[in-house]
Amino acid sequence: MDQKEQIFEIISFTADSREYYPASMEHEDWMPENFVKHTEIDVALGQSRYGGPFVDLPPGVEHPENLRFAAKLDLSKFSPFDKSGLLPKKGQLIFFAEILSDTGKVIYADVANEQLVRITKEHEDNFYTGILIDQIYTDTVTFAERYHEPDDEDEETNEDGLVWGYFFGCEKSKIFGIYTNCKMKRLRRLHFPIKLYFCRLVRMDLMMREFSAY
């Protein structure tokens, strides 16, 4: 099989239309209509989401110092779409990060959602707003999708005259598949939640200095 035609099984997911921010913040003119205070949105314990001013942790586990809550995945919702079988069938994956220092921590906890303890830490730093994860589904990607016609004559092309798309897929939230360099793309737009948040999340495989299992 031609490598460009190789098919990768991935888990794709979409974001809720609303974005919530710390209730202690004043509503600003730049905020779009879908911005709501975190006290005005119903978030179930353990619900999968990106960032925000509160996190659900296992009993006895403290919020890591000097890190911000970046994302939480309820694996019981994701694992049914994992054709590779790499994800645990249940439990939580909880991500913390500090973008400026490229440090982070991932906690895996095999704890039922109803046993989690909600901790609120309002701030205006990275990941200060939250977005709920909405639809989750099985999807596929191929190398061929990453190639495109050159935009100018100076771009490096392959034998077919096509250019590798380093940033292709930045708009998609996914687990597994082909690496996408979101770091530079995210700087071009400050308020693009689904891209901005998950690009930070998928880069954590490079950031993590510590992994702990509860």
C-alpha atoms as a PDB file:
ATOM      1  CA  MET A   1       0.000   0.000   0.000  1.00  0.00           C
ATOM      2  CA  ASP A   2       1.157   3.517  -0.832  1.00  0.00           C
ATOM      3  CA  GLN A   3       1.963   5.247   2.484  1.00  0.00           C
ATOM      4  CA  LYS A   4      -0.146   8.243   1.457  1.00  0.00           C
ATOM      5  CA  GLU A   5      -3.196   5.981   1.332  1.00  0.00           C
ATOM      6  CA  GLN A   6      -2.646   4.492   4.800  1.00  0.00           C
ATOM      7  CA  ILE A   7      -5.763   4.949   6.942  1.00  0.00           C
ATOM      8  CA  PHE A   8      -5.523   6.010  10.587  1.00  0.00           C
ATOM      9  CA  GLU A   9      -8.423   5.385  12.954  1.00  0.00           C
ATOM     10  CA  ILE A  10      -9.025   8.407  15.200  1.00  0.00           C
ATOM     11  CA  ILE A  11     -11.533   9.688  17.715  1.00  0.00           C
ATOM     12  CA  SER A  12     -12.976  13.056  16.718  1.00  0.00           C
ATOM     13  CA  PHE A  13     -15.093  15.298  18.889  1.00  0.00           C
ATOM     14  CA  THR A  14     -16.809  18.649  18.753  1.00  0.00           C
ATOM     15  CA  ALA A  15     -17.322  21.531  21.163  1.00  0.00           C
ATOM     16  CA  ASP A  16     -20.479  22.866  22.727  1.00  0.00           C
ATOM     17  CA  SER A  17     -21.561  26.220  21.306  1.00  0.00           C
ATOM     18  CA  ARG A  18     -21.122  27.993  24.650  1.00  0.00           C
ATOM     19  CA  GLU A  19     -17.917  29.106  26.343  1.00  0.00           C
ATOM     20  CA  TYR A  20     -17.916  29.844  30.054  1.00  0.00           C
ATOM     21  CA  TYR A  21     -15.645  32.160  32.002  1.00  0.00           C
ATOM     22  CA  PRO A  22     -15.035  32.854  35.729  1.00  0.00           C
ATOM     23  CA  ALA A  23     -18.043  34.436  37.402  1.00  0.00           C
ATOM     24  CA  SER A  24     -15.725  36.891  39.156  1.00  0.00           C
ATOM     25  CA  MET A  25     -14.924  38.506  35.804  1.00  0.00           C
ATOM     26  CA  GLU A  26     -16.983  41.350  34.412  1.00  0.00           C
ATOM     27  CA  HIS A  27     -18.582  40.819  31.033  1.00  0.00           C
ATOM     28  CA  GLU A  28     -16.406  42.595  28.468  1.00  0.00           C
ATOM     29  CA  ASP A  29     -17.472  44.176  25.171  1.00  0.00           C
ATOM     30  CA  TRP A  30     -15.160  41.883  23.207  1.00  0.00           C
ATOM     31  CA  MET A  31     -16.874  38.751  24.492  1.00  0.00           C
ATOM     32  CA  PRO A  32     -19.128  37.082  21.892  1.00  0.00           C
ATOM     33  CA  GLU A  33     -22.747  36.202  22.607  1.00  0.00           C
ATOM     34  CA  ASN A  34     -21.926  32.580  23.426  1.00  0.00           C
ATOM     35  CA  PHE A  35     -19.791  33.616  26.451  1.00  0.00           C
ATOM     36  CA  VAL A  36     -21.524  32.898  29.775  1.00  0.00           C
ATOM     37  CA  LYS A  37     -20.385  32.950  33.399  1.00  0.00           C
ATOM     38  CA  HIS A  38     -19.497  29.546  34.797  1.00  0.00           C
ATOM     39  CA  THR A  39     -22.328  29.843  37.321  1.00  0.00           C
ATOM     40  CA  GLU A  40     -24.830  30.095  34.447  1.00  0.00           C
ATOM     41  CA  ILE A  41     -24.053  26.752  32.831  1.00  0.00           C
ATOM     42  CA  ASP A  42     -24.843  23.234  34.049  1.00  0.00           C
ATOM     43  CA  VAL A  43     -21.741  21.022  34.033  1.00  0.00           C
ATOM     44  CA  ALA A  44     -22.173  17.503  35.410  1.00  0.00           C
ATOM     45  CA  LEU A  45     -19.472  16.029  37.631  1.00  0.00           C
ATOM     46  CA  GLY A  46     -16.838  14.411  35.449  1.00  0.00           C
ATOM     47  CA  GLN A  47     -18.172  15.840  32.196  1.00  0.00           C
ATOM     48  CA  SER A  48     -15.540  16.051  29.453  1.00  0.00           C
ATOM     49  CA  ARG A  49     -14.392  19.590  28.737  1.00  0.00           C
ATOM     50  CA  TYR A  50     -11.583  21.985  27.931  1.00  0.00           C
ATOM     51  CA  GLY A  51     -10.241  24.307  30.633  1.00  0.00           C
ATOM     52  CA  GLY A  52     -12.323  26.621  32.777  1.00  0.00           C
ATOM     53  CA  PRO A  53     -12.392  27.833  36.380  1.00  0.00           C
ATOM     54  CA  PHE A  54     -13.250  24.498  38.019  1.00  0.00           C
ATOM     55  CA  VAL A  55     -11.976  20.926  37.891  1.00  0.00           C
ATOM     56  CA  ASP A  56     -13.349  17.617  39.194  1.00  0.00           C
ATOM     57  CA  LEU A  57     -10.677  15.640  41.054  1.00  0.00           C
ATOM     58  CA  PRO A  58     -10.609  12.273  42.836  1.00  0.00           C
ATOM     59  CA  PRO A  59     -11.047  12.473  46.628  1.00  0.00           C
ATOM     60  CA  GLY A  60      -7.804  13.423  48.344  1.00  0.00           C
ATOM     61  CA  VAL A  61      -6.101  14.675  45.169  1.00  0.00           C
ATOM     62  CA  GLU A  62      -5.045  18.315  45.237  1.00  0.00           C
ATOM     63  CA  HIS A  63      -4.912  20.761  42.351  1.00  0.00           C
ATOM     64  CA  PRO A  64      -1.263  20.809  41.149  1.00  0.00           C
ATOM     65  CA  GLU A  65       0.570  23.974  42.137  1.00  0.00           C
ATOM     66  CA  ASN A  66       1.520  26.478  39.425  1.00  0.00           C
ATOM     67  CA  LEU A  67      -0.482  24.628  36.769  1.00  0.00           C
ATOM     68  CA  ARG A  68      -3.813  25.405  35.146  1.00  0.00           C
ATOM     69  CA  PHE A  69      -6.588  22.915  34.497  1.00  0.00           C
ATOM     70  CA  ALA A  70      -6.501  22.346  30.714  1.00  0.00           C
ATOM     71  CA  ALA A  71      -8.880  19.482  29.956  1.00  0.00           C
ATOM     72  CA  LYS A  72     -10.691  16.448  31.281  1.00  0.00           C
ATOM     73  CA  LEU A  73     -11.808  13.347  29.391  1.00  0.00           C
ATOM     74  CA  ASP A  74     -14.439  10.954  30.686  1.00  0.00           C
ATOM     75  CA  LEU A  75     -13.018   7.746  29.232  1.00  0.00           C
ATOM     76  CA  SER A  76     -16.301   5.877  29.512  1.00  0.00           C
ATOM     77  CA  LYS A  77     -17.581   8.246  26.801  1.00  0.00           C
ATOM     78  CA  PHE A  78     -14.458   8.071  24.606  1.00  0.00           C
ATOM     79  CA  SER A  79     -13.428   4.409  24.824  1.00  0.00           C
ATOM     80  CA  PRO A  80     -16.411   3.064  22.804  1.00  0.00           C
ATOM     81  CA  PHE A  81     -14.975   4.964  19.808  1.00  0.00           C
ATOM     82  CA  ASP A  82     -11.397   3.735  20.342  1.00  0.00           C
ATOM     83  CA  LYS A  83     -10.868   1.051  17.705  1.00  0.00           C
ATOM     84  CA  SER A  84      -7.204   0.732  18.699  1.00  0.00           C
ATOM     85  CA  GLY A  85      -8.098  -0.342  22.237  1.00  0.00           C
ATOM     86  CA  LEU A  86      -5.382   1.907  23.687  1.00  0.00           C
ATOM     87  CA  LEU A  87      -7.582   3.922  26.024  1.00  0.00           C
ATOM     88  CA  PRO A  88      -8.756   2.599  29.392  1.00  0.00           C
ATOM     89  CA  LYS A  89     -12.431   1.638  29.270  1.00  0.00           C
ATOM     90  CA  LYS A  90     -13.372   3.907  32.147  1.00  0.00           C
ATOM     91  CA  GLY A  91     -12.006   6.524  34.492  1.00  0.00           C
ATOM     92  CA  GLN A  92     -10.741  10.045  33.983  1.00  0.00           C
ATOM     93  CA  LEU A  93      -7.824  11.656  32.211  1.00  0.00           C
ATOM     94  CA  ILE A  94      -7.226  15.097  33.731  1.00  0.00           C
ATOM     95  CA  PHE A  95      -4.723  17.468  32.119  1.00  0.00           C
ATOM     96  CA  PHE A  96      -2.906  20.393  33.731  1.00  0.00           C
ATOM     97  CA  ALA A  97      -0.395  22.664  32.019  1.00  0.00           C
ATOM     98  CA  GLU A  98       1.607  25.844  32.166  1.00  0.00           C
ATOM     99  CA  ILE A  99       2.016  26.999  28.582  1.00  0.00           C
ATOM    100  CA  LEU A 100       4.818  29.511  29.132  1.00  0.00           C
ATOM    101  CA  SER A 101       7.132  27.007  30.806  1.00  0.00           C
ATOM    102  CA  ASP A 102       6.034  23.972  28.760  1.00  0.00           C
ATOM    103  CA  THR A 103       5.317  21.967  31.886  1.00  0.00           C
ATOM    104  CA  GLY A 104       2.335  19.873  32.757  1.00  0.00           C
ATOM    105  CA  LYS A 105       0.821  16.913  34.509  1.00  0.00           C
ATOM    106  CA  VAL A 106      -1.691  14.213  33.587  1.00  0.00           C
ATOM    107  CA  ILE A 107      -3.724  12.389  36.214  1.00  0.00           C
ATOM    108  CA  TYR A 108      -5.460   9.109  35.431  1.00  0.00           C
ATOM    109  CA  ALA A 109      -8.109   8.195  37.983  1.00  0.00           C
ATOM    110  CA  ASP A 110     -10.279   5.086  37.871  1.00  0.00           C
ATOM    111  CA  VAL A 111     -12.997   6.788  39.883  1.00  0.00           C
ATOM    112  CA  ALA A 112     -16.718   7.053  39.143  1.00  0.00           C
ATOM    113  CA  ASN A 113     -17.930  10.518  38.184  1.00  0.00           C
ATOM    114  CA  GLU A 114     -20.205  10.810  41.195  1.00  0.00           C
ATOM    115  CA  GLN A 115     -17.231  10.320  43.521  1.00  0.00           C
ATOM    116  CA  LEU A 116     -15.264  13.264  42.087  1.00  0.00           C
ATOM    117  CA  VAL A 117     -14.831  16.458  44.079  1.00  0.00           C
ATOM    118  CA  ARG A 118     -15.259  19.813  42.325  1.00  0.00           C
ATOM    119  CA  ILE A 119     -12.607  22.439  43.033  1.00  0.00           C
ATOM    120  CA  THR A 120     -13.046  26.007  41.797  1.00  0.00           C
ATOM    121  CA  LYS A 121     -10.006  28.162  41.009  1.00  0.00           C
ATOM    122  CA  GLU A 122     -11.062  31.303  39.168  1.00  0.00           C
ATOM    123  CA  HIS A 123      -8.271  33.070  37.287  1.00  0.00           C
ATOM    124  CA  GLU A 124      -7.591  35.045  34.099  1.00  0.00           C
ATOM    125  CA  ASP A 125      -4.562  33.077  32.902  1.00  0.00           C
ATOM    126  CA  ASN A 126      -4.290  30.401  30.185  1.00  0.00           C
ATOM    127  CA  PHE A 127      -7.328  28.100  30.068  1.00  0.00           C
ATOM    128  CA  TYR A 128      -9.418  30.535  32.109  1.00  0.00           C
ATOM    129  CA  THR A 129     -12.490  29.824  29.965  1.00  0.00           C
ATOM    130  CA  GLY A 130     -14.086  26.414  29.567  1.00  0.00           C
ATOM    131  CA  ILE A 131     -15.881  24.590  26.764  1.00  0.00           C
ATOM    132  CA  LEU A 132     -17.859  21.384  27.115  1.00  0.00           C
ATOM    133  CA  ILE A 133     -17.113  18.516  24.740  1.00  0.00           C
ATOM    134  CA  ASP A 134     -20.255  17.719  22.791  1.00  0.00           C
ATOM    135  CA  GLN A 135     -20.318  15.009  20.115  1.00  0.00           C
ATOM    136  CA  ILE A 136     -17.757  12.152  20.046  1.00  0.00           C
ATOM    137  CA  TYR A 137     -17.379   9.872  17.030  1.00  0.00           C
ATOM    138  CA  THR A 138     -15.043   7.514  15.170  1.00  0.00           C
ATOM    139  CA  ASP A 139     -13.259   9.040  12.192  1.00  0.00           C
ATOM    140  CA  THR A 140     -10.330   8.368   9.848  1.00  0.00           C
ATOM    141  CA  VAL A 141      -7.447  10.368   8.364  1.00  0.00           C
ATOM    142  CA  THR A 142      -4.840   9.592   5.687  1.00  0.00           C
ATOM    143  CA  PHE A 143      -1.467  11.016   4.738  1.00  0.00           C
ATOM    144  CA  ALA A 144      -2.908  11.964   1.344  1.00  0.00           C
ATOM    145  CA  GLU A 145      -5.230  14.477   2.989  1.00  0.00           C
ATOM    146  CA  ARG A 146      -2.232  16.369   4.360  1.00  0.00           C
ATOM    147  CA  TYR A 147      -0.792  17.278   0.944  1.00  0.00           C
ATOM    148  CA  HIS A 148      -1.875  20.313  -1.068  1.00  0.00           C
ATOM    149  CA  GLU A 149      -0.880  22.358  -4.105  1.00  0.00           C
ATOM    150  CA  PRO A 150       1.996  24.785  -3.406  1.00  0.00           C
ATOM    151  CA  ASP A 151       1.057  28.381  -2.684  1.00  0.00           C
ATOM    152  CA  ASP A 152       4.329  29.712  -4.093  1.00  0.00           C
ATOM    153  CA  GLU A 153       7.277  28.376  -6.072  1.00  0.00           C
ATOM    154  CA  ASP A 154       9.674  28.394  -3.109  1.00  0.00           C
ATOM    155  CA  GLU A 155       7.783  25.716  -1.151  1.00  0.00           C
ATOM    156  CA  GLU A 156       9.343  22.275  -0.868  1.00  0.00           C
ATOM    157  CA  THR A 157       7.307  19.673  -2.754  1.00  0.00           C
ATOM    158  CA  ASN A 158       7.288  15.880  -3.000  1.00  0.00           C
ATOM    159  CA  GLU A 159       7.623  13.768  -6.130  1.00  0.00           C
ATOM    160  CA  ASP A 160       4.031  14.577  -7.056  1.00  0.00           C
ATOM    161  CA  GLY A 161       4.584  18.311  -6.797  1.00  0.00           C
ATOM    162  CA  LEU A 162       2.571  18.626  -3.590  1.00  0.00           C
ATOM    163  CA  VAL A 163       3.371  20.328  -0.263  1.00  0.00           C
ATOM    164  CA  TRP A 164       3.037  18.661   3.168  1.00  0.00           C
ATOM    165  CA  GLY A 165       0.436  20.495   5.264  1.00  0.00           C
ATOM    166  CA  TYR A 166       2.036  20.873   8.688  1.00  0.00           C
ATOM    167  CA  PHE A 167      -1.019  22.704  10.017  1.00  0.00           C
ATOM    168  CA  PHE A 168      -3.702  20.607   8.332  1.00  0.00           C
ATOM    169  CA  GLY A 169      -6.250  19.468  10.893  1.00  0.00           C
ATOM    170  CA  CYS A 170      -5.751  22.341  13.352  1.00  0.00           C
ATOM    171  CA  GLU A 171      -9.480  22.967  13.239  1.00  0.00           C
ATOM    172  CA  LYS A 172     -10.274  19.395  14.310  1.00  0.00           C
ATOM    173  CA  SER A 173     -10.230  18.052  17.866  1.00  0.00           C
ATOM    174  CA  LYS A 174      -8.999  14.480  17.800  1.00  0.00           C
ATOM    175  CA  ILE A 175      -7.197  11.684  19.599  1.00  0.00           C
ATOM    176  CA  PHE A 176      -4.638   9.584  17.688  1.00  0.00           C
ATOM    177  CA  GLY A 177      -3.857  10.029  14.005  1.00  0.00           C
ATOM    178  CA  ILE A 178      -1.159  12.205  12.432  1.00  0.00           C
ATOM    179  CA  TYR A 179       0.646  14.911  14.386  1.00  0.00           C
ATOM    180  CA  THR A 180      -0.503  18.447  13.613  1.00  0.00           C
ATOM    181  CA  ASN A 181       1.630  21.459  14.502  1.00  0.00           C
ATOM    182  CA  CYS A 182      -0.907  23.748  16.166  1.00  0.00           C
ATOM    183  CA  LYS A 183       1.547  25.867  18.130  1.00  0.00           C
ATOM    184  CA  MET A 184       2.165  28.523  15.475  1.00  0.00           C
ATOM    185  CA  LYS A 185      -1.355  28.483  14.102  1.00  0.00           C
ATOM    186  CA  ARG A 186      -2.957  29.247  17.437  1.00  0.00           C
ATOM    187  CA  LEU A 187      -1.194  32.620  17.633  1.00  0.00           C
ATOM    188  CA  ARG A 188      -3.086  33.946  14.646  1.00  0.00           C
ATOM    189  CA  ARG A 189      -6.428  34.087  16.403  1.00  0.00           C
ATOM    190  CA  LEU A 190      -6.990  34.708  20.071  1.00  0.00           C
ATOM    191  CA  HIS A 191     -10.628  33.661  20.310  1.00  0.00           C
ATOM    192  CA  PHE A 192     -11.010  30.421  18.357  1.00  0.00           C
ATOM    193  CA  PRO A 193     -11.950  28.087  21.213  1.00  0.00           C
ATOM    194  CA  ILE A 194     -12.152  24.652  19.615  1.00  0.00           C
ATOM    195  CA  LYS A 195      -8.825  25.072  17.809  1.00  0.00           C
ATOM    196  CA  LEU A 196      -6.991  27.001  20.491  1.00  0.00           C
ATOM    197  CA  TYR A 197      -7.892  24.752  23.399  1.00  0.00           C
ATOM    198  CA  PHE A 198      -7.357  21.404  21.806  1.00  0.00           C
ATOM    199  CA  CYS A 199      -4.151  22.412  20.086  1.00  0.00           C
ATOM    200  CA  ARG A 200      -2.835  23.073  23.567  1.00  0.00           C
ATOM    201  CA  LEU A 201      -4.150  19.722  24.728  1.00  0.00           C
ATOM    202  CA  VAL A 202      -2.701  17.568  21.961  1.00  0.00           C
ATOM    203  CA  ARG A 203       0.735  19.122  22.448  1.00  0.00           C
ATOM    204  CA  MET A 204       0.848  17.880  26.016  1.00  0.00           C
ATOM    205  CA  ASP A 205       2.457  14.635  24.922  1.00  0.00           C
ATOM    206  CA  LEU A 206       5.538  16.814  24.393  1.00  0.00           C
ATOM    207  CA  MET A 207       5.055  18.848  27.561  1.00  0.00           C
ATOM    208  CA  MET A 208       4.457  16.225  30.169  1.00  0.00           C
ATOM    209  CA  ARG A 209       7.164  15.701  32.729  1.00  0.00           C
ATOM    210  CA  GLU A 210       4.970  13.704  35.120  1.00  0.00           C
ATOM    211  CA  PHE A 211       2.198  11.162  34.802  1.00  0.00           C
ATOM    212  CA  SER A 212       0.363   9.915  37.847  1.00  0.00           C
ATOM    213  CA  ALA A 213      -2.273   7.245  38.286  1.00  0.00           C
ATOM    214  CA  TYR A 214      -4.684   7.652  41.142  1.00  0.00           C
END
